[in-house]
């Protein structure tokens, strides 16, 4: 009888993780297994430790548990898999990204719009970063929360109302909380030096995120900043409740999820030193994430299962890296260290 057998610990290697949000999503998916009592996921080591009444072989356990997370692009292995760099994907990703970057330069030169200017990152940039975030790190954890809410309310005959409440409260929450961060920044009186330092921090965070999307280097995953896990855990727990306020609380709570893109925009909101500018920046970012997240809510979008996902992520990674470098160059130009890239 398996009931009398002691609980067993398995340690598996995990492929497909990009950020701390992946840790959370994998843990939540596996905690729902009736035989699992404890799950600990490590992005840095790309491993997961599972404790429970799993008395089958490690190979069978890895195969069965992978079925619970493979829809999000993750897979468990008993042996450390050989890293597949898939350089051929760059053959398609690089030209697509270059076309986008060329368009960026054209818009800058023509003065039609300004994605990055000497005084601010621009609402266009915040929207663009939100769009990229929604198909990478944010897609993993926020998409999981949306699906969790949908599953709970589907039992009562429908889920469009809670999903709508989720998206509206998310936009409002990002606007208000972004404004609060901006107002907080006004009390610091950062000055040129402080503003330059924050701009460099934003650029470095984005650079790390872009490199992680390329899935070439592992060491950069160790450098990602993140909020304490209990911030995010409260939001995840709320998504499992069937209370009428759950969608509202979860929508607002996504502001605190471990998404590096969100954190880079939060730092920028702090840098603005303005309630209005901070709120508009975070609202623009949230609006950028809305199209993809809405498709997840009311459609069946799942990039993680697409054959072209590698090309997609590498394209996004190159674009994010270029945006990071532009932001870094802009910060150095404002500080007078280098000449501006654009004469606006």
C-alpha atoms as a PDB file:
ATOM      1  CA  UNK A   1       0.000   0.000   0.000  1.00  0.00           C
ATOM      2  CA  UNK A   2       1.414   3.350  -1.068  1.00  0.00           C
ATOM      3  CA  UNK A   3      -0.265   5.102   1.919  1.00  0.00           C
ATOM      4  CA  UNK A   4       2.261   3.503   4.271  1.00  0.00           C
ATOM      5  CA  UNK A   5       5.264   4.450   2.170  1.00  0.00           C
ATOM      6  CA  UNK A   6       7.301   7.517   3.143  1.00  0.00           C
ATOM      7  CA  UNK A   7       7.065  10.622   1.003  1.00  0.00           C
ATOM      8  CA  UNK A   8       9.670  10.778  -1.705  1.00  0.00           C
ATOM      9  CA  UNK A   9      11.689  13.715  -3.031  1.00  0.00           C
ATOM     10  CA  UNK A  10      12.474  14.137  -6.703  1.00  0.00           C
ATOM     11  CA  UNK A  11      14.757  16.758  -8.224  1.00  0.00           C
ATOM     12  CA  UNK A  12      14.333  17.531 -11.904  1.00  0.00           C
ATOM     13  CA  UNK A  13      15.949  19.883 -14.386  1.00  0.00           C
ATOM     14  CA  UNK A  14      13.583  22.404 -15.983  1.00  0.00           C
ATOM     15  CA  UNK A  15      13.765  23.915 -19.465  1.00  0.00           C
ATOM     16  CA  UNK A  16      11.789  26.913 -20.706  1.00  0.00           C
ATOM     17  CA  UNK A  17      12.173  29.279 -17.727  1.00  0.00           C
ATOM     18  CA  UNK A  18      13.015  32.948 -18.342  1.00  0.00           C
ATOM     19  CA  UNK A  19      12.332  34.806 -15.085  1.00  0.00           C
ATOM     20  CA  UNK A  20      10.963  34.661 -11.535  1.00  0.00           C
ATOM     21  CA  UNK A  21       7.433  34.622 -12.899  1.00  0.00           C
ATOM     22  CA  UNK A  22       8.185  31.205 -14.367  1.00  0.00           C
ATOM     23  CA  UNK A  23       9.132  29.908 -10.910  1.00  0.00           C
ATOM     24  CA  UNK A  24       5.767  30.986  -9.557  1.00  0.00           C
ATOM     25  CA  UNK A  25       3.722  29.579 -12.421  1.00  0.00           C
ATOM     26  CA  UNK A  26       5.412  26.160 -12.354  1.00  0.00           C
ATOM     27  CA  UNK A  27       5.058  25.896  -8.572  1.00  0.00           C
ATOM     28  CA  UNK A  28       1.359  26.784  -8.664  1.00  0.00           C
ATOM     29  CA  UNK A  29       0.613  24.296 -11.433  1.00  0.00           C
ATOM     30  CA  UNK A  30       2.360  21.412  -9.661  1.00  0.00           C
ATOM     31  CA  UNK A  31       0.978  22.223  -6.203  1.00  0.00           C
ATOM     32  CA  UNK A  32      -2.433  21.297  -7.550  1.00  0.00           C
ATOM     33  CA  UNK A  33      -1.344  17.666  -7.977  1.00  0.00           C
ATOM     34  CA  UNK A  34      -3.034  15.564  -5.254  1.00  0.00           C
ATOM     35  CA  UNK A  35       0.134  13.577  -4.499  1.00  0.00           C
ATOM     36  CA  UNK A  36       2.476  16.569  -4.172  1.00  0.00           C
ATOM     37  CA  UNK A  37       3.006  18.199  -0.775  1.00  0.00           C
ATOM     38  CA  UNK A  38       5.913  20.548  -1.465  1.00  0.00           C
ATOM     39  CA  UNK A  39       7.375  22.264  -4.541  1.00  0.00           C
ATOM     40  CA  UNK A  40      10.485  24.421  -4.731  1.00  0.00           C
ATOM     41  CA  UNK A  41      11.579  25.914  -8.060  1.00  0.00           C
ATOM     42  CA  UNK A  42      14.965  27.538  -8.690  1.00  0.00           C
ATOM     43  CA  UNK A  43      15.426  29.765 -11.725  1.00  0.00           C
ATOM     44  CA  UNK A  44      19.127  30.160 -10.987  1.00  0.00           C
ATOM     45  CA  UNK A  45      19.792  26.400 -10.965  1.00  0.00           C
ATOM     46  CA  UNK A  46      17.034  25.619 -13.486  1.00  0.00           C
ATOM     47  CA  UNK A  47      15.859  22.857 -11.177  1.00  0.00           C
ATOM     48  CA  UNK A  48      12.752  21.860  -9.247  1.00  0.00           C
ATOM     49  CA  UNK A  49      12.453  19.778  -6.083  1.00  0.00           C
ATOM     50  CA  UNK A  50       9.168  17.956  -5.509  1.00  0.00           C
ATOM     51  CA  UNK A  51       8.132  16.087  -2.367  1.00  0.00           C
ATOM     52  CA  UNK A  52       5.095  13.853  -2.206  1.00  0.00           C
ATOM     53  CA  UNK A  53       3.624  10.411  -2.664  1.00  0.00           C
ATOM     54  CA  UNK A  54       5.318   9.896  -6.014  1.00  0.00           C
ATOM     55  CA  UNK A  55       6.637   6.350  -5.862  1.00  0.00           C
ATOM     56  CA  UNK A  56       7.000   5.740  -9.579  1.00  0.00           C
ATOM     57  CA  UNK A  57      10.383   6.027 -11.271  1.00  0.00           C
ATOM     58  CA  UNK A  58      11.871   9.479 -11.814  1.00  0.00           C
ATOM     59  CA  UNK A  59      11.458   9.104 -15.575  1.00  0.00           C
ATOM     60  CA  UNK A  60       7.739   8.348 -15.288  1.00  0.00           C
ATOM     61  CA  UNK A  61       7.219  11.144 -12.739  1.00  0.00           C
ATOM     62  CA  UNK A  62       8.988  13.657 -14.995  1.00  0.00           C
ATOM     63  CA  UNK A  63       6.869  12.611 -17.959  1.00  0.00           C
ATOM     64  CA  UNK A  64       3.570  12.789 -16.055  1.00  0.00           C
ATOM     65  CA  UNK A  65       4.320  16.096 -14.317  1.00  0.00           C
ATOM     66  CA  UNK A  66       5.509  17.693 -17.552  1.00  0.00           C
ATOM     67  CA  UNK A  67       1.953  17.290 -18.863  1.00  0.00           C
ATOM     68  CA  UNK A  68       0.810  19.805 -16.236  1.00  0.00           C
ATOM     69  CA  UNK A  69       3.179  22.559 -17.357  1.00  0.00           C
ATOM     70  CA  UNK A  70       4.100  21.902 -20.980  1.00  0.00           C
ATOM     71  CA  UNK A  71       1.281  24.134 -22.271  1.00  0.00           C
ATOM     72  CA  UNK A  72       3.292  27.064 -20.889  1.00  0.00           C
ATOM     73  CA  UNK A  73       6.521  25.940 -22.553  1.00  0.00           C
ATOM     74  CA  UNK A  74       8.184  24.114 -19.625  1.00  0.00           C
ATOM     75  CA  UNK A  75       9.514  20.567 -19.468  1.00  0.00           C
ATOM     76  CA  UNK A  76      11.029  18.402 -16.706  1.00  0.00           C
ATOM     77  CA  UNK A  77      14.097  16.220 -17.257  1.00  0.00           C
ATOM     78  CA  UNK A  78      15.828  13.637 -15.076  1.00  0.00           C
ATOM     79  CA  UNK A  79      19.212  14.521 -16.571  1.00  0.00           C
ATOM     80  CA  UNK A  80      20.533  17.985 -17.308  1.00  0.00           C
ATOM     81  CA  UNK A  81      19.670  18.497 -20.975  1.00  0.00           C
ATOM     82  CA  UNK A  82      22.236  19.754 -23.420  1.00  0.00           C
ATOM     83  CA  UNK A  83      21.553  23.424 -24.084  1.00  0.00           C
ATOM     84  CA  UNK A  84      20.158  24.008 -27.559  1.00  0.00           C
ATOM     85  CA  UNK A  85      21.108  27.495 -28.685  1.00  0.00           C
ATOM     86  CA  UNK A  86      19.208  27.193 -31.973  1.00  0.00           C
ATOM     87  CA  UNK A  87      21.275  29.772 -33.800  1.00  0.00           C
ATOM     88  CA  UNK A  88      19.195  29.232 -36.947  1.00  0.00           C
ATOM     89  CA  UNK A  89      16.326  31.085 -35.283  1.00  0.00           C
ATOM     90  CA  UNK A  90      18.445  34.238 -35.429  1.00  0.00           C
ATOM     91  CA  UNK A  91      18.365  34.005 -39.237  1.00  0.00           C
ATOM     92  CA  UNK A  92      14.698  34.982 -39.037  1.00  0.00           C
ATOM     93  CA  UNK A  93      14.695  36.938 -35.771  1.00  0.00           C
ATOM     94  CA  UNK A  94      17.537  39.338 -36.590  1.00  0.00           C
ATOM     95  CA  UNK A  95      16.070  40.735 -39.860  1.00  0.00           C
ATOM     96  CA  UNK A  96      12.634  41.186 -38.266  1.00  0.00           C
ATOM     97  CA  UNK A  97      14.160  43.015 -35.323  1.00  0.00           C
ATOM     98  CA  UNK A  98      16.359  45.112 -37.643  1.00  0.00           C
ATOM     99  CA  UNK A  99      13.308  46.188 -39.657  1.00  0.00           C
ATOM    100  CA  UNK A 100      11.658  47.300 -36.428  1.00  0.00           C
ATOM    101  CA  UNK A 101      14.804  49.127 -35.289  1.00  0.00           C
ATOM    102  CA  UNK A 102      15.167  50.803 -38.707  1.00  0.00           C
ATOM    103  CA  UNK A 103      11.588  52.004 -38.357  1.00  0.00           C
ATOM    104  CA  UNK A 104      12.477  53.304 -34.914  1.00  0.00           C
ATOM    105  CA  UNK A 105      15.353  55.357 -36.319  1.00  0.00           C
ATOM    106  CA  UNK A 106      13.156  56.629 -39.139  1.00  0.00           C
ATOM    107  CA  UNK A 107      10.502  57.824 -36.713  1.00  0.00           C
ATOM    108  CA  UNK A 108      13.191  59.556 -34.676  1.00  0.00           C
ATOM    109  CA  UNK A 109      14.738  61.285 -37.673  1.00  0.00           C
ATOM    110  CA  UNK A 110      11.430  62.414 -39.155  1.00  0.00           C
ATOM    111  CA  UNK A 111      10.243  63.667 -35.774  1.00  0.00           C
ATOM    112  CA  UNK A 112       6.872  61.935 -36.256  1.00  0.00           C
ATOM    113  CA  UNK A 113       7.084  60.558 -32.749  1.00  0.00           C
ATOM    114  CA  UNK A 114       9.683  60.244 -30.011  1.00  0.00           C
ATOM    115  CA  UNK A 115      10.099  56.872 -28.356  1.00  0.00           C
ATOM    116  CA  UNK A 116      13.039  58.138 -26.327  1.00  0.00           C
ATOM    117  CA  UNK A 117      13.784  61.813 -25.727  1.00  0.00           C
ATOM    118  CA  UNK A 118      16.051  63.777 -23.410  1.00  0.00           C
ATOM    119  CA  UNK A 119      13.373  64.370 -20.764  1.00  0.00           C
ATOM    120  CA  UNK A 120      11.426  61.123 -20.589  1.00  0.00           C
ATOM    121  CA  UNK A 121      11.191  57.573 -21.802  1.00  0.00           C
ATOM    122  CA  UNK A 122       7.934  58.537 -23.506  1.00  0.00           C
ATOM    123  CA  UNK A 123       4.516  56.953 -23.247  1.00  0.00           C
ATOM    124  CA  UNK A 124       5.141  55.264 -26.599  1.00  0.00           C
ATOM    125  CA  UNK A 125       8.104  53.432 -25.119  1.00  0.00           C
ATOM    126  CA  UNK A 126       6.077  52.360 -22.070  1.00  0.00           C
ATOM    127  CA  UNK A 127       3.353  51.021 -24.369  1.00  0.00           C
ATOM    128  CA  UNK A 128       5.895  49.174 -26.528  1.00  0.00           C
ATOM    129  CA  UNK A 129       7.610  47.630 -23.504  1.00  0.00           C
ATOM    130  CA  UNK A 130       4.198  46.532 -22.243  1.00  0.00           C
ATOM    131  CA  UNK A 131       3.471  44.891 -25.582  1.00  0.00           C
ATOM    132  CA  UNK A 132       6.761  42.986 -25.475  1.00  0.00           C
ATOM    133  CA  UNK A 133       6.266  42.059 -21.809  1.00  0.00           C
ATOM    134  CA  UNK A 134       2.830  40.616 -22.542  1.00  0.00           C
ATOM    135  CA  UNK A 135       4.314  38.015 -24.873  1.00  0.00           C
ATOM    136  CA  UNK A 136       7.192  37.056 -22.592  1.00  0.00           C
ATOM    137  CA  UNK A 137       7.379  37.182 -18.804  1.00  0.00           C
ATOM    138  CA  UNK A 138       3.958  38.720 -18.169  1.00  0.00           C
ATOM    139  CA  UNK A 139       2.311  36.179 -20.458  1.00  0.00           C
ATOM    140  CA  UNK A 140       3.471  33.339 -18.236  1.00  0.00           C
ATOM    141  CA  UNK A 141       2.187  34.439 -14.843  1.00  0.00           C
ATOM    142  CA  UNK A 142      -0.593  36.933 -15.651  1.00  0.00           C
ATOM    143  CA  UNK A 143      -1.980  34.599 -18.294  1.00  0.00           C
ATOM    144  CA  UNK A 144      -2.026  31.855 -15.682  1.00  0.00           C
ATOM    145  CA  UNK A 145      -3.952  34.088 -13.279  1.00  0.00           C
ATOM    146  CA  UNK A 146      -6.527  34.910 -15.947  1.00  0.00           C
ATOM    147  CA  UNK A 147      -7.049  31.242 -16.737  1.00  0.00           C
ATOM    148  CA  UNK A 148      -7.363  30.467 -13.028  1.00  0.00           C
ATOM    149  CA  UNK A 149     -10.065  33.117 -12.619  1.00  0.00           C
ATOM    150  CA  UNK A 150     -11.857  31.816 -15.701  1.00  0.00           C
ATOM    151  CA  UNK A 151     -11.857  28.266 -14.380  1.00  0.00           C
ATOM    152  CA  UNK A 152     -13.372  29.338 -11.054  1.00  0.00           C
ATOM    153  CA  UNK A 153     -16.182  31.396 -12.557  1.00  0.00           C
ATOM    154  CA  UNK A 154     -16.883  28.997 -15.420  1.00  0.00           C
ATOM    155  CA  UNK A 155     -18.505  26.728 -12.838  1.00  0.00           C
ATOM    156  CA  UNK A 156     -21.227  29.336 -12.418  1.00  0.00           C
ATOM    157  CA  UNK A 157     -22.003  29.551 -16.106  1.00  0.00           C
ATOM    158  CA  UNK A 158     -19.651  32.170 -17.506  1.00  0.00           C
ATOM    159  CA  UNK A 159     -16.449  34.089 -17.048  1.00  0.00           C
ATOM    160  CA  UNK A 160     -16.585  37.227 -19.211  1.00  0.00           C
ATOM    161  CA  UNK A 161     -17.714  39.484 -16.345  1.00  0.00           C
ATOM    162  CA  UNK A 162     -14.862  38.616 -13.944  1.00  0.00           C
ATOM    163  CA  UNK A 163     -12.364  38.773 -16.798  1.00  0.00           C
ATOM    164  CA  UNK A 164     -13.619  42.227 -17.758  1.00  0.00           C
ATOM    165  CA  UNK A 165     -13.424  43.318 -14.108  1.00  0.00           C
ATOM    166  CA  UNK A 166      -9.865  41.962 -13.988  1.00  0.00           C
ATOM    167  CA  UNK A 167      -8.697  44.003 -16.981  1.00  0.00           C
ATOM    168  CA  UNK A 168     -10.430  47.225 -15.906  1.00  0.00           C
ATOM    169  CA  UNK A 169      -9.131  47.009 -12.340  1.00  0.00           C
ATOM    170  CA  UNK A 170      -5.653  46.236 -13.667  1.00  0.00           C
ATOM    171  CA  UNK A 171      -5.628  49.406 -15.770  1.00  0.00           C
ATOM    172  CA  UNK A 172      -6.987  51.506 -12.894  1.00  0.00           C
ATOM    173  CA  UNK A 173      -4.575  49.904 -10.420  1.00  0.00           C
ATOM    174  CA  UNK A 174      -1.544  50.585 -12.601  1.00  0.00           C
ATOM    175  CA  UNK A 175      -2.674  54.188 -13.093  1.00  0.00           C
ATOM    176  CA  UNK A 176      -3.172  54.885  -9.377  1.00  0.00           C
ATOM    177  CA  UNK A 177      -0.153  52.947  -8.090  1.00  0.00           C
ATOM    178  CA  UNK A 178       2.073  54.375 -10.818  1.00  0.00           C
ATOM    179  CA  UNK A 179       0.980  57.832  -9.751  1.00  0.00           C
ATOM    180  CA  UNK A 180       1.739  57.012  -6.125  1.00  0.00           C
ATOM    181  CA  UNK A 181       5.283  55.959  -7.080  1.00  0.00           C
ATOM    182  CA  UNK A 182       5.718  59.128  -9.130  1.00  0.00           C
ATOM    183  CA  UNK A 183       4.524  61.263  -6.220  1.00  0.00           C
ATOM    184  CA  UNK A 184       6.932  59.428  -3.927  1.00  0.00           C
ATOM    185  CA  UNK A 185       9.765  60.263  -6.292  1.00  0.00           C
ATOM    186  CA  UNK A 186       8.974  63.961  -6.058  1.00  0.00           C
ATOM    187  CA  UNK A 187       9.972  63.951  -2.376  1.00  0.00           C
ATOM    188  CA  UNK A 188      13.474  62.680  -3.189  1.00  0.00           C
ATOM    189  CA  UNK A 189      14.557  65.609  -5.387  1.00  0.00           C
ATOM    190  CA  UNK A 190      16.883  63.341  -7.306  1.00  0.00           C
ATOM    191  CA  UNK A 191      18.656  65.943  -9.383  1.00  0.00           C
ATOM    192  CA  UNK A 192      20.666  65.185 -12.498  1.00  0.00           C
ATOM    193  CA  UNK A 193      22.952  62.605 -10.888  1.00  0.00           C
ATOM    194  CA  UNK A 194      20.141  60.657  -9.228  1.00  0.00           C
ATOM    195  CA  UNK A 195      18.026  60.758 -12.385  1.00  0.00           C
ATOM    196  CA  UNK A 196      20.940  59.498 -14.471  1.00  0.00           C
ATOM    197  CA  UNK A 197      21.602  56.624 -12.054  1.00  0.00           C
ATOM    198  CA  UNK A 198      17.944  55.529 -12.167  1.00  0.00           C
ATOM    199  CA  UNK A 199      17.981  55.715 -15.972  1.00  0.00           C
ATOM    200  CA  UNK A 200      21.046  53.484 -16.052  1.00  0.00           C
ATOM    201  CA  UNK A 201      19.372  51.008 -13.668  1.00  0.00           C
ATOM    202  CA  UNK A 202      16.318  50.882 -15.958  1.00  0.00           C
ATOM    203  CA  UNK A 203      18.549  50.256 -18.979  1.00  0.00           C
ATOM    204  CA  UNK A 204      20.473  47.482 -17.195  1.00  0.00           C
ATOM    205  CA  UNK A 205      17.262  45.711 -16.112  1.00  0.00           C
ATOM    206  CA  UNK A 206      15.925  45.844 -19.668  1.00  0.00           C
ATOM    207  CA  UNK A 207      19.259  44.644 -21.038  1.00  0.00           C
ATOM    208  CA  UNK A 208      19.159  41.591 -18.749  1.00  0.00           C
ATOM    209  CA  UNK A 209      15.567  40.872 -19.739  1.00  0.00           C
ATOM    210  CA  UNK A 210      16.443  41.050 -23.428  1.00  0.00           C
ATOM    211  CA  UNK A 211      19.423  38.730 -22.998  1.00  0.00           C
ATOM    212  CA  UNK A 212      17.250  36.228 -21.117  1.00  0.00           C
ATOM    213  CA  UNK A 213      14.725  36.234 -23.963  1.00  0.00           C
ATOM    214  CA  UNK A 214      17.522  35.217 -26.339  1.00  0.00           C
ATOM    215  CA  UNK A 215      18.041  32.120 -24.147  1.00  0.00           C
ATOM    216  CA  UNK A 216      21.792  32.020 -24.768  1.00  0.00           C
ATOM    217  CA  UNK A 217      23.395  32.905 -21.441  1.00  0.00           C
ATOM    218  CA  UNK A 218      22.378  31.441 -18.096  1.00  0.00           C
ATOM    219  CA  UNK A 219      24.267  33.717 -15.694  1.00  0.00           C
ATOM    220  CA  UNK A 220      22.023  36.724 -16.397  1.00  0.00           C
ATOM    221  CA  UNK A 221      19.080  34.972 -14.738  1.00  0.00           C
ATOM    222  CA  UNK A 222      20.923  35.273 -11.418  1.00  0.00           C
ATOM    223  CA  UNK A 223      20.996  39.063 -11.714  1.00  0.00           C
ATOM    224  CA  UNK A 224      17.279  39.774 -12.087  1.00  0.00           C
ATOM    225  CA  UNK A 225      15.770  41.856  -9.260  1.00  0.00           C
ATOM    226  CA  UNK A 226      12.447  40.776  -7.816  1.00  0.00           C
ATOM    227  CA  UNK A 227      10.049  41.686  -5.053  1.00  0.00           C
ATOM    228  CA  UNK A 228       9.631  39.411  -1.996  1.00  0.00           C
ATOM    229  CA  UNK A 229       7.683  36.327  -3.056  1.00  0.00           C
ATOM    230  CA  UNK A 230       4.878  36.901  -0.570  1.00  0.00           C
ATOM    231  CA  UNK A 231       3.809  40.013  -2.540  1.00  0.00           C
ATOM    232  CA  UNK A 232       3.172  37.867  -5.592  1.00  0.00           C
ATOM    233  CA  UNK A 233       1.811  34.893  -3.656  1.00  0.00           C
ATOM    234  CA  UNK A 234      -1.065  36.971  -2.258  1.00  0.00           C
ATOM    235  CA  UNK A 235      -2.159  37.804  -5.796  1.00  0.00           C
ATOM    236  CA  UNK A 236      -1.934  34.172  -6.919  1.00  0.00           C
ATOM    237  CA  UNK A 237      -3.942  32.998  -3.897  1.00  0.00           C
ATOM    238  CA  UNK A 238      -6.664  35.573  -4.603  1.00  0.00           C
ATOM    239  CA  UNK A 239      -7.113  34.216  -8.143  1.00  0.00           C
ATOM    240  CA  UNK A 240      -8.251  30.880  -6.697  1.00  0.00           C
ATOM    241  CA  UNK A 241     -11.095  32.384  -4.670  1.00  0.00           C
ATOM    242  CA  UNK A 242     -14.622  32.646  -5.987  1.00  0.00           C
ATOM    243  CA  UNK A 243     -15.352  35.901  -4.157  1.00  0.00           C
ATOM    244  CA  UNK A 244     -16.909  38.644  -6.287  1.00  0.00           C
ATOM    245  CA  UNK A 245     -14.007  40.964  -5.463  1.00  0.00           C
ATOM    246  CA  UNK A 246     -11.346  38.431  -6.489  1.00  0.00           C
ATOM    247  CA  UNK A 247     -10.980  39.669 -10.115  1.00  0.00           C
ATOM    248  CA  UNK A 248     -10.589  43.263  -8.897  1.00  0.00           C
ATOM    249  CA  UNK A 249      -7.987  42.370  -6.272  1.00  0.00           C
ATOM    250  CA  UNK A 250      -6.052  40.137  -8.668  1.00  0.00           C
ATOM    251  CA  UNK A 251      -6.085  42.821 -11.379  1.00  0.00           C
ATOM    252  CA  UNK A 252      -4.610  45.384  -8.994  1.00  0.00           C
ATOM    253  CA  UNK A 253      -2.235  42.803  -7.501  1.00  0.00           C
ATOM    254  CA  UNK A 254      -0.535  42.147 -10.850  1.00  0.00           C
ATOM    255  CA  UNK A 255       1.304  45.432 -10.220  1.00  0.00           C
ATOM    256  CA  UNK A 256       3.421  43.503  -7.683  1.00  0.00           C
ATOM    257  CA  UNK A 257       4.161  40.387  -9.743  1.00  0.00           C
ATOM    258  CA  UNK A 258       7.834  39.509 -10.459  1.00  0.00           C
ATOM    259  CA  UNK A 259       8.012  40.935 -13.975  1.00  0.00           C
ATOM    260  CA  UNK A 260      11.246  42.763 -14.776  1.00  0.00           C
ATOM    261  CA  UNK A 261       9.541  44.865 -17.433  1.00  0.00           C
ATOM    262  CA  UNK A 262       6.992  46.092 -14.886  1.00  0.00           C
ATOM    263  CA  UNK A 263       9.765  46.874 -12.427  1.00  0.00           C
ATOM    264  CA  UNK A 264      11.723  48.866 -15.001  1.00  0.00           C
ATOM    265  CA  UNK A 265       8.653  51.035 -15.644  1.00  0.00           C
ATOM    266  CA  UNK A 266       8.040  51.381 -11.899  1.00  0.00           C
ATOM    267  CA  UNK A 267      11.574  52.724 -11.479  1.00  0.00           C
ATOM    268  CA  UNK A 268      10.971  55.132 -14.339  1.00  0.00           C
ATOM    269  CA  UNK A 269       7.727  56.284 -12.688  1.00  0.00           C
ATOM    270  CA  UNK A 270       9.736  56.997  -9.548  1.00  0.00           C
ATOM    271  CA  UNK A 271      12.225  58.941 -11.663  1.00  0.00           C
ATOM    272  CA  UNK A 272       9.513  61.209 -13.105  1.00  0.00           C
ATOM    273  CA  UNK A 273       8.773  62.693  -9.683  1.00  0.00           C
ATOM    274  CA  UNK A 274       5.226  63.411 -10.839  1.00  0.00           C
ATOM    275  CA  UNK A 275       1.913  61.750  -9.964  1.00  0.00           C
ATOM    276  CA  UNK A 276       0.495  62.427 -13.430  1.00  0.00           C
ATOM    277  CA  UNK A 277       3.571  61.336 -15.380  1.00  0.00           C
ATOM    278  CA  UNK A 278       4.037  58.260 -13.217  1.00  0.00           C
ATOM    279  CA  UNK A 279       0.397  57.239 -13.555  1.00  0.00           C
ATOM    280  CA  UNK A 280       0.357  57.787 -17.323  1.00  0.00           C
ATOM    281  CA  UNK A 281       3.582  55.784 -17.724  1.00  0.00           C
ATOM    282  CA  UNK A 282       2.195  52.754 -15.879  1.00  0.00           C
ATOM    283  CA  UNK A 283      -1.168  53.103 -17.642  1.00  0.00           C
ATOM    284  CA  UNK A 284       0.567  53.126 -21.033  1.00  0.00           C
ATOM    285  CA  UNK A 285       2.527  50.026 -20.014  1.00  0.00           C
ATOM    286  CA  UNK A 286      -0.669  48.246 -18.883  1.00  0.00           C
ATOM    287  CA  UNK A 287      -2.417  49.205 -22.130  1.00  0.00           C
ATOM    288  CA  UNK A 288       0.492  47.657 -24.022  1.00  0.00           C
ATOM    289  CA  UNK A 289      -0.091  44.344 -22.255  1.00  0.00           C
ATOM    290  CA  UNK A 290      -3.861  44.483 -22.773  1.00  0.00           C
ATOM    291  CA  UNK A 291      -4.224  43.151 -26.376  1.00  0.00           C
ATOM    292  CA  UNK A 292      -2.383  39.878 -25.736  1.00  0.00           C
ATOM    293  CA  UNK A 293      -3.876  39.342 -22.273  1.00  0.00           C
ATOM    294  CA  UNK A 294      -7.352  40.010 -23.669  1.00  0.00           C
ATOM    295  CA  UNK A 295      -6.758  37.372 -26.337  1.00  0.00           C
ATOM    296  CA  UNK A 296      -5.843  34.935 -23.581  1.00  0.00           C
ATOM    297  CA  UNK A 297      -9.036  35.831 -21.702  1.00  0.00           C
ATOM    298  CA  UNK A 298     -11.500  35.695 -24.559  1.00  0.00           C
ATOM    299  CA  UNK A 299      -9.637  33.546 -27.060  1.00  0.00           C
ATOM    300  CA  UNK A 300      -7.148  30.706 -27.145  1.00  0.00           C
ATOM    301  CA  UNK A 301      -3.796  32.406 -27.661  1.00  0.00           C
ATOM    302  CA  UNK A 302      -0.863  30.343 -26.428  1.00  0.00           C
ATOM    303  CA  UNK A 303       2.489  31.382 -27.853  1.00  0.00           C
ATOM    304  CA  UNK A 304       4.338  28.801 -25.742  1.00  0.00           C
ATOM    305  CA  UNK A 305       2.959  25.985 -27.888  1.00  0.00           C
ATOM    306  CA  UNK A 306       3.711  27.589 -31.255  1.00  0.00           C
ATOM    307  CA  UNK A 307       6.471  26.170 -33.428  1.00  0.00           C
ATOM    308  CA  UNK A 308       7.822  29.679 -34.037  1.00  0.00           C
ATOM    309  CA  UNK A 309       8.027  30.670 -30.350  1.00  0.00           C
ATOM    310  CA  UNK A 310      11.848  30.603 -30.396  1.00  0.00           C
ATOM    311  CA  UNK A 311      11.986  33.071 -33.284  1.00  0.00           C
ATOM    312  CA  UNK A 312       9.371  35.238 -31.584  1.00  0.00           C
ATOM    313  CA  UNK A 313      11.230  35.427 -28.265  1.00  0.00           C
ATOM    314  CA  UNK A 314      14.582  36.070 -29.942  1.00  0.00           C
ATOM    315  CA  UNK A 315      13.054  38.889 -32.001  1.00  0.00           C
ATOM    316  CA  UNK A 316      11.592  40.417 -28.848  1.00  0.00           C
ATOM    317  CA  UNK A 317      14.928  39.957 -27.078  1.00  0.00           C
ATOM    318  CA  UNK A 318      16.874  41.841 -29.753  1.00  0.00           C
ATOM    319  CA  UNK A 319      14.354  44.694 -29.713  1.00  0.00           C
ATOM    320  CA  UNK A 320      14.479  44.928 -25.903  1.00  0.00           C
ATOM    321  CA  UNK A 321      18.290  44.960 -25.964  1.00  0.00           C
ATOM    322  CA  UNK A 322      18.263  47.793 -28.492  1.00  0.00           C
ATOM    323  CA  UNK A 323      15.747  49.766 -26.424  1.00  0.00           C
ATOM    324  CA  UNK A 324      17.962  49.225 -23.374  1.00  0.00           C
ATOM    325  CA  UNK A 325      21.024  50.491 -25.229  1.00  0.00           C
ATOM    326  CA  UNK A 326      19.097  53.523 -26.493  1.00  0.00           C
ATOM    327  CA  UNK A 327      17.966  54.294 -22.945  1.00  0.00           C
ATOM    328  CA  UNK A 328      21.522  53.885 -21.671  1.00  0.00           C
ATOM    329  CA  UNK A 329      22.908  56.166 -24.378  1.00  0.00           C
ATOM    330  CA  UNK A 330      20.160  58.688 -23.639  1.00  0.00           C
ATOM    331  CA  UNK A 331      21.014  58.712 -19.915  1.00  0.00           C
ATOM    332  CA  UNK A 332      24.698  59.252 -20.671  1.00  0.00           C
ATOM    333  CA  UNK A 333      23.820  62.026 -23.127  1.00  0.00           C
ATOM    334  CA  UNK A 334      21.680  63.820 -20.565  1.00  0.00           C
ATOM    335  CA  UNK A 335      24.590  63.598 -18.128  1.00  0.00           C
ATOM    336  CA  UNK A 336      26.834  65.165 -20.770  1.00  0.00           C
ATOM    337  CA  UNK A 337      29.102  62.122 -21.031  1.00  0.00           C
ATOM    338  CA  UNK A 338      28.349  61.440 -24.721  1.00  0.00           C
ATOM    339  CA  UNK A 339      26.615  63.280 -27.548  1.00  0.00           C
ATOM    340  CA  UNK A 340      22.876  62.646 -28.053  1.00  0.00           C
ATOM    341  CA  UNK A 341      21.971  59.942 -30.567  1.00  0.00           C
ATOM    342  CA  UNK A 342      19.116  62.022 -31.920  1.00  0.00           C
ATOM    343  CA  UNK A 343      18.878  65.731 -32.489  1.00  0.00           C
ATOM    344  CA  UNK A 344      15.294  66.398 -31.450  1.00  0.00           C
END
